[in-house]
Amino acid sequence: VVAAGALQMAQLITDGDTNRPHLFVGL
């Protein structure tokens, strides 16, 4: 994500299920 450039983020999804908790991580 850092290598992709400034102000990029990843979405982390628990067990791959969008009905479970998820965290957007911006770097």
PDB file of all heavy atoms in Angstrom:
ATOM      1  N   VAL A   1       0.843  -1.200   0.000  1.00  0.00           N
ATOM      2  CA  VAL A   1       0.000   0.000   0.000  1.00  0.00           C
ATOM      3  C   VAL A   1       0.878   1.250   0.000  1.00  0.00           C
ATOM      4  O   VAL A   1       0.630   2.194  -0.747  1.00  0.00           O
ATOM      5  CB  VAL A   1      -0.974  -0.002   1.201  1.00  0.00           C
ATOM      6  CG1 VAL A   1      -1.717   1.330   1.312  1.00  0.00           C
ATOM      7  CG2 VAL A   1      -1.961  -1.158   1.078  1.00  0.00           C
ATOM      8  N   VAL A   2       1.918   1.245   0.810  1.00  0.00           N
ATOM      9  CA  VAL A   2       2.848   2.377   0.841  1.00  0.00           C
ATOM     10  C   VAL A   2       3.501   2.556  -0.526  1.00  0.00           C
ATOM     11  O   VAL A   2       3.608   3.672  -1.043  1.00  0.00           O
ATOM     12  CB  VAL A   2       3.922   2.180   1.936  1.00  0.00           C
ATOM     13  CG1 VAL A   2       5.036   3.207   1.802  1.00  0.00           C
ATOM     14  CG2 VAL A   2       3.284   2.246   3.320  1.00  0.00           C
ATOM     15  N   ALA A   3       3.909   1.454  -1.146  1.00  0.00           N
ATOM     16  CA  ALA A   3       4.568   1.522  -2.454  1.00  0.00           C
ATOM     17  C   ALA A   3       3.636   2.049  -3.540  1.00  0.00           C
ATOM     18  O   ALA A   3       4.100   2.615  -4.532  1.00  0.00           O
ATOM     19  CB  ALA A   3       5.106   0.145  -2.845  1.00  0.00           C
ATOM     20  N   ALA A   4       2.322   1.895  -3.358  1.00  0.00           N
ATOM     21  CA  ALA A   4       1.356   2.374  -4.351  1.00  0.00           C
ATOM     22  C   ALA A   4       1.272   3.890  -4.383  1.00  0.00           C
ATOM     23  O   ALA A   4       0.752   4.466  -5.337  1.00  0.00           O
ATOM     24  CB  ALA A   4      -0.021   1.776  -4.082  1.00  0.00           C
ATOM     25  N   GLY A   5       1.773   4.556  -3.359  1.00  0.00           N
ATOM     26  CA  GLY A   5       1.775   6.016  -3.345  1.00  0.00           C
ATOM     27  C   GLY A   5       1.055   6.572  -2.137  1.00  0.00           C
ATOM     28  O   GLY A   5       0.367   5.856  -1.406  1.00  0.00           O
ATOM     29  N   ALA A   6       1.216   7.866  -1.932  1.00  0.00           N
ATOM     30  CA  ALA A   6       0.627   8.541  -0.779  1.00  0.00           C
ATOM     31  C   ALA A   6      -0.890   8.473  -0.810  1.00  0.00           C
ATOM     32  O   ALA A   6      -1.507   8.410  -1.873  1.00  0.00           O
ATOM     33  CB  ALA A   6       1.088   9.991  -0.736  1.00  0.00           C
ATOM     34  N   LEU A   7      -1.451   8.469   0.374  1.00  0.00           N
ATOM     35  CA  LEU A   7      -2.900   8.553   0.576  1.00  0.00           C
ATOM     36  C   LEU A   7      -3.665   7.331   0.055  1.00  0.00           C
ATOM     37  O   LEU A   7      -4.845   7.421  -0.270  1.00  0.00           O
ATOM     38  CB  LEU A   7      -3.464   9.834  -0.043  1.00  0.00           C
ATOM     39  CG  LEU A   7      -2.860  11.124   0.499  1.00  0.00           C
ATOM     40  CD1 LEU A   7      -3.282  12.304  -0.357  1.00  0.00           C
ATOM     41  CD2 LEU A   7      -3.257  11.345   1.950  1.00  0.00           C
ATOM     42  N   GLN A   8      -3.008   6.185   0.000  1.00  0.00           N
ATOM     43  CA  GLN A   8      -3.667   4.949  -0.425  1.00  0.00           C
ATOM     44  C   GLN A   8      -4.152   4.178   0.792  1.00  0.00           C
ATOM     45  O   GLN A   8      -3.633   4.332   1.893  1.00  0.00           O
ATOM     46  CB  GLN A   8      -2.703   4.072  -1.222  1.00  0.00           C
ATOM     47  CG  GLN A   8      -2.346   4.642  -2.569  1.00  0.00           C
ATOM     48  CD  GLN A   8      -3.554   4.697  -3.496  1.00  0.00           C
ATOM     49  OE1 GLN A   8      -4.286   3.721  -3.655  1.00  0.00           O
ATOM     50  NE2 GLN A   8      -3.765   5.846  -4.102  1.00  0.00           N
ATOM     51  N   MET A   9      -5.148   3.321   0.591  1.00  0.00           N
ATOM     52  CA  MET A   9      -5.619   2.506   1.689  1.00  0.00           C
ATOM     53  C   MET A   9      -5.929   1.095   1.257  1.00  0.00           C
ATOM     54  O   MET A   9      -6.072   0.807   0.070  1.00  0.00           O
ATOM     55  CB  MET A   9      -6.825   3.087   2.403  1.00  0.00           C
ATOM     56  CG  MET A   9      -7.780   3.879   1.667  1.00  0.00           C
ATOM     57  SD  MET A   9      -9.009   4.554   2.794  1.00  0.00           S
ATOM     58  CE  MET A   9     -10.387   4.286   1.740  1.00  0.00           C
ATOM     59  N   ALA A  10      -5.993   0.242   2.263  1.00  0.00           N
ATOM     60  CA  ALA A  10      -6.393  -1.145   2.078  1.00  0.00           C
ATOM     61  C   ALA A  10      -7.649  -1.376   2.900  1.00  0.00           C
ATOM     62  O   ALA A  10      -7.830  -0.762   3.954  1.00  0.00           O
ATOM     63  CB  ALA A  10      -5.287  -2.088   2.558  1.00  0.00           C
ATOM     64  N   GLN A  11      -8.494  -2.261   2.408  1.00  0.00           N
ATOM     65  CA  GLN A  11      -9.651  -2.688   3.176  1.00  0.00           C
ATOM     66  C   GLN A  11      -9.366  -4.105   3.651  1.00  0.00           C
ATOM     67  O   GLN A  11      -9.099  -4.994   2.842  1.00  0.00           O
ATOM     68  CB  GLN A  11     -10.926  -2.660   2.332  1.00  0.00           C
ATOM     69  CG  GLN A  11     -12.157  -3.075   3.132  1.00  0.00           C
ATOM     70  CD  GLN A  11     -13.423  -3.077   2.292  1.00  0.00           C
ATOM     71  OE1 GLN A  11     -13.366  -3.190   1.071  1.00  0.00           O
ATOM     72  NE2 GLN A  11     -14.555  -2.963   2.945  1.00  0.00           N
ATOM     73  N   LEU A  12      -9.411  -4.298   4.958  1.00  0.00           N
ATOM     74  CA  LEU A  12      -9.187  -5.605   5.557  1.00  0.00           C
ATOM     75  C   LEU A  12     -10.539  -6.147   6.011  1.00  0.00           C
ATOM     76  O   LEU A  12     -11.221  -5.512   6.825  1.00  0.00           O
ATOM     77  CB  LEU A  12      -8.230  -5.493   6.745  1.00  0.00           C
ATOM     78  CG  LEU A  12      -6.910  -4.777   6.475  1.00  0.00           C
ATOM     79  CD1 LEU A  12      -6.076  -4.707   7.760  1.00  0.00           C
ATOM     80  CD2 LEU A  12      -6.134  -5.441   5.354  1.00  0.00           C
ATOM     81  N   ILE A  13     -10.918  -7.306   5.482  1.00  0.00           N
ATOM     82  CA  ILE A  13     -12.244  -7.864   5.766  1.00  0.00           C
ATOM     83  C   ILE A  13     -12.093  -9.193   6.499  1.00  0.00           C
ATOM     84  O   ILE A  13     -11.451 -10.118   6.001  1.00  0.00           O
ATOM     85  CB  ILE A  13     -13.048  -8.069   4.468  1.00  0.00           C
ATOM     86  CG1 ILE A  13     -13.185  -6.754   3.707  1.00  0.00           C
ATOM     87  CG2 ILE A  13     -14.417  -8.663   4.773  1.00  0.00           C
ATOM     88  CD1 ILE A  13     -13.839  -6.894   2.352  1.00  0.00           C
ATOM     89  N   THR A  14     -12.709  -9.290   7.667  1.00  0.00           N
ATOM     90  CA  THR A  14     -12.651 -10.493   8.473  1.00  0.00           C
ATOM     91  C   THR A  14     -13.290 -11.667   7.743  1.00  0.00           C
ATOM     92  O   THR A  14     -14.437 -11.585   7.300  1.00  0.00           O
ATOM     93  CB  THR A  14     -13.383 -10.275   9.813  1.00  0.00           C
ATOM     94  OG1 THR A  14     -12.882  -9.092  10.422  1.00  0.00           O
ATOM     95  CG2 THR A  14     -13.195 -11.452  10.740  1.00  0.00           C
ATOM     96  N   ASP A  15     -12.548 -12.738   7.609  1.00  0.00           N
ATOM     97  CA  ASP A  15     -13.015 -13.968   6.960  1.00  0.00           C
ATOM     98  C   ASP A  15     -13.560 -13.743   5.555  1.00  0.00           C
ATOM     99  O   ASP A  15     -14.315 -14.573   5.042  1.00  0.00           O
ATOM    100  CB  ASP A  15     -14.067 -14.676   7.822  1.00  0.00           C
ATOM    101  CG  ASP A  15     -13.501 -15.165   9.140  1.00  0.00           C
ATOM    102  OD1 ASP A  15     -12.298 -15.478   9.190  1.00  0.00           O
ATOM    103  OD2 ASP A  15     -14.256 -15.215  10.133  1.00  0.00           O
ATOM    104  N   GLY A  16     -13.230 -12.632   4.945  1.00  0.00           N
ATOM    105  CA  GLY A  16     -13.690 -12.353   3.590  1.00  0.00           C
ATOM    106  C   GLY A  16     -15.186 -12.109   3.484  1.00  0.00           C
ATOM    107  O   GLY A  16     -15.759 -12.134   2.403  1.00  0.00           O
ATOM    108  N   ASP A  17     -15.833 -11.834   4.603  1.00  0.00           N
ATOM    109  CA  ASP A  17     -17.288 -11.670   4.652  1.00  0.00           C
ATOM    110  C   ASP A  17     -17.603 -10.205   4.946  1.00  0.00           C
ATOM    111  O   ASP A  17     -17.314  -9.715   6.043  1.00  0.00           O
ATOM    112  CB  ASP A  17     -17.851 -12.583   5.745  1.00  0.00           C
ATOM    113  CG  ASP A  17     -19.357 -12.515   5.876  1.00  0.00           C
ATOM    114  OD1 ASP A  17     -20.002 -11.641   5.252  1.00  0.00           O
ATOM    115  OD2 ASP A  17     -19.903 -13.348   6.620  1.00  0.00           O
ATOM    116  N   THR A  18     -18.204  -9.504   3.986  1.00  0.00           N
ATOM    117  CA  THR A  18     -18.492  -8.074   4.163  1.00  0.00           C
ATOM    118  C   THR A  18     -19.514  -7.814   5.268  1.00  0.00           C
ATOM    119  O   THR A  18     -19.703  -6.665   5.659  1.00  0.00           O
ATOM    120  CB  THR A  18     -18.969  -7.425   2.850  1.00  0.00           C
ATOM    121  OG1 THR A  18     -20.108  -8.136   2.378  1.00  0.00           O
ATOM    122  CG2 THR A  18     -17.862  -7.433   1.819  1.00  0.00           C
ATOM    123  N   ASN A  19     -20.151  -8.848   5.765  1.00  0.00           N
ATOM    124  CA  ASN A  19     -21.062  -8.690   6.903  1.00  0.00           C
ATOM    125  C   ASN A  19     -20.346  -8.868   8.240  1.00  0.00           C
ATOM    126  O   ASN A  19     -20.986  -8.875   9.282  1.00  0.00           O
ATOM    127  CB  ASN A  19     -22.228  -9.681   6.803  1.00  0.00           C
ATOM    128  CG  ASN A  19     -23.133  -9.350   5.645  1.00  0.00           C
ATOM    129  OD1 ASN A  19     -23.476  -8.193   5.442  1.00  0.00           O
ATOM    130  ND2 ASN A  19     -23.487 -10.345   4.872  1.00  0.00           N
ATOM    131  N   ARG A  20     -19.032  -9.037   8.182  1.00  0.00           N
ATOM    132  CA  ARG A  20     -18.199  -9.155   9.382  1.00  0.00           C
ATOM    133  C   ARG A  20     -17.405  -7.857   9.511  1.00  0.00           C
ATOM    134  O   ARG A  20     -17.372  -7.039   8.601  1.00  0.00           O
ATOM    135  CB  ARG A  20     -17.243 -10.349   9.241  1.00  0.00           C
ATOM    136  CG  ARG A  20     -17.872 -11.711   9.018  1.00  0.00           C
ATOM    137  CD  ARG A  20     -18.337 -12.424  10.293  1.00  0.00           C
ATOM    138  NE  ARG A  20     -17.464 -12.317  11.436  1.00  0.00           N
ATOM    139  CZ  ARG A  20     -16.486 -13.169  11.743  1.00  0.00           C
ATOM    140  NH1 ARG A  20     -16.233 -14.216  10.977  1.00  0.00           N
ATOM    141  NH2 ARG A  20     -15.767 -12.983  12.828  1.00  0.00           N
ATOM    142  N   PRO A  21     -16.735  -7.651  10.634  1.00  0.00           N
ATOM    143  CA  PRO A  21     -15.957  -6.416  10.810  1.00  0.00           C
ATOM    144  C   PRO A  21     -14.928  -6.205   9.705  1.00  0.00           C
ATOM    145  O   PRO A  21     -14.345  -7.163   9.190  1.00  0.00           O
ATOM    146  CB  PRO A  21     -15.255  -6.637  12.157  1.00  0.00           C
ATOM    147  CG  PRO A  21     -16.144  -7.593  12.885  1.00  0.00           C
ATOM    148  CD  PRO A  21     -16.680  -8.504  11.823  1.00  0.00           C
ATOM    149  N   HIS A  22     -14.731  -4.936   9.361  1.00  0.00           N
ATOM    150  CA  HIS A  22     -13.670  -4.600   8.424  1.00  0.00           C
ATOM    151  C   HIS A  22     -13.005  -3.286   8.845  1.00  0.00           C
ATOM    152  O   HIS A  22     -13.579  -2.479   9.562  1.00  0.00           O
ATOM    153  CB  HIS A  22     -14.141  -4.572   6.961  1.00  0.00           C
ATOM    154  CG  HIS A  22     -15.279  -3.664   6.670  1.00  0.00           C
ATOM    155  ND1 HIS A  22     -16.586  -4.029   6.840  1.00  0.00           N
ATOM    156  CD2 HIS A  22     -15.306  -2.404   6.220  1.00  0.00           C
ATOM    157  CE1 HIS A  22     -17.377  -3.032   6.494  1.00  0.00           C
ATOM    158  NE2 HIS A  22     -16.626  -2.033   6.118  1.00  0.00           N
ATOM    159  N   LEU A  23     -11.760  -3.165   8.405  1.00  0.00           N
ATOM    160  CA  LEU A  23     -10.933  -2.030   8.773  1.00  0.00           C
ATOM    161  C   LEU A  23     -10.306  -1.458   7.519  1.00  0.00           C
ATOM    162  O   LEU A  23      -9.670  -2.176   6.753  1.00  0.00           O
ATOM    163  CB  LEU A  23      -9.831  -2.497   9.738  1.00  0.00           C
ATOM    164  CG  LEU A  23      -8.908  -1.435  10.324  1.00  0.00           C
ATOM    165  CD1 LEU A  23      -9.659  -0.552  11.328  1.00  0.00           C
ATOM    166  CD2 LEU A  23      -7.713  -2.092  11.021  1.00  0.00           C
ATOM    167  N   PHE A  24     -10.528  -0.156   7.291  1.00  0.00           N
ATOM    168  CA  PHE A  24      -9.816   0.544   6.231  1.00  0.00           C
ATOM    169  C   PHE A  24      -8.550   1.117   6.846  1.00  0.00           C
ATOM    170  O   PHE A  24      -8.611   1.794   7.881  1.00  0.00           O
ATOM    171  CB  PHE A  24     -10.655   1.685   5.651  1.00  0.00           C
ATOM    172  CG  PHE A  24     -11.681   1.247   4.658  1.00  0.00           C
ATOM    173  CD1 PHE A  24     -12.977   0.987   5.045  1.00  0.00           C
ATOM    174  CD2 PHE A  24     -11.351   1.109   3.311  1.00  0.00           C
ATOM    175  CE1 PHE A  24     -13.924   0.587   4.130  1.00  0.00           C
ATOM    176  CE2 PHE A  24     -12.293   0.712   2.388  1.00  0.00           C
ATOM    177  CZ  PHE A  24     -13.591   0.449   2.790  1.00  0.00           C
ATOM    178  N   VAL A  25      -7.414   0.845   6.217  1.00  0.00           N
ATOM    179  CA  VAL A  25      -6.114   1.286   6.701  1.00  0.00           C
ATOM    180  C   VAL A  25      -5.510   2.217   5.654  1.00  0.00           C
ATOM    181  O   VAL A  25      -5.174   1.777   4.561  1.00  0.00           O
ATOM    182  CB  VAL A  25      -5.173   0.081   6.937  1.00  0.00           C
ATOM    183  CG1 VAL A  25      -3.816   0.549   7.416  1.00  0.00           C
ATOM    184  CG2 VAL A  25      -5.799  -0.909   7.904  1.00  0.00           C
ATOM    185  N   GLY A  26      -5.401   3.503   5.981  1.00  0.00           N
ATOM    186  CA  GLY A  26      -4.799   4.471   5.075  1.00  0.00           C
ATOM    187  C   GLY A  26      -3.380   4.773   5.497  1.00  0.00           C
ATOM    188  O   GLY A  26      -3.102   4.902   6.690  1.00  0.00           O
ATOM    189  N   LEU A  27      -2.483   4.870   4.524  1.00  0.00           N
ATOM    190  CA  LEU A  27      -1.074   5.137   4.811  1.00  0.00           C
ATOM    191  C   LEU A  27      -0.584   6.303   3.969  1.00  0.00           C
ATOM    192  O   LEU A  27      -0.880   6.387   2.781  1.00  0.00           O
ATOM    193  CB  LEU A  27      -0.238   3.889   4.536  1.00  0.00           C
ATOM    194  CG  LEU A  27      -0.597   2.683   5.413  1.00  0.00           C
ATOM    195  CD1 LEU A  27       0.041   1.418   4.876  1.00  0.00           C
ATOM    196  CD2 LEU A  27      -0.188   2.935   6.849  1.00  0.00           C
TER     197      LEU A  27
END
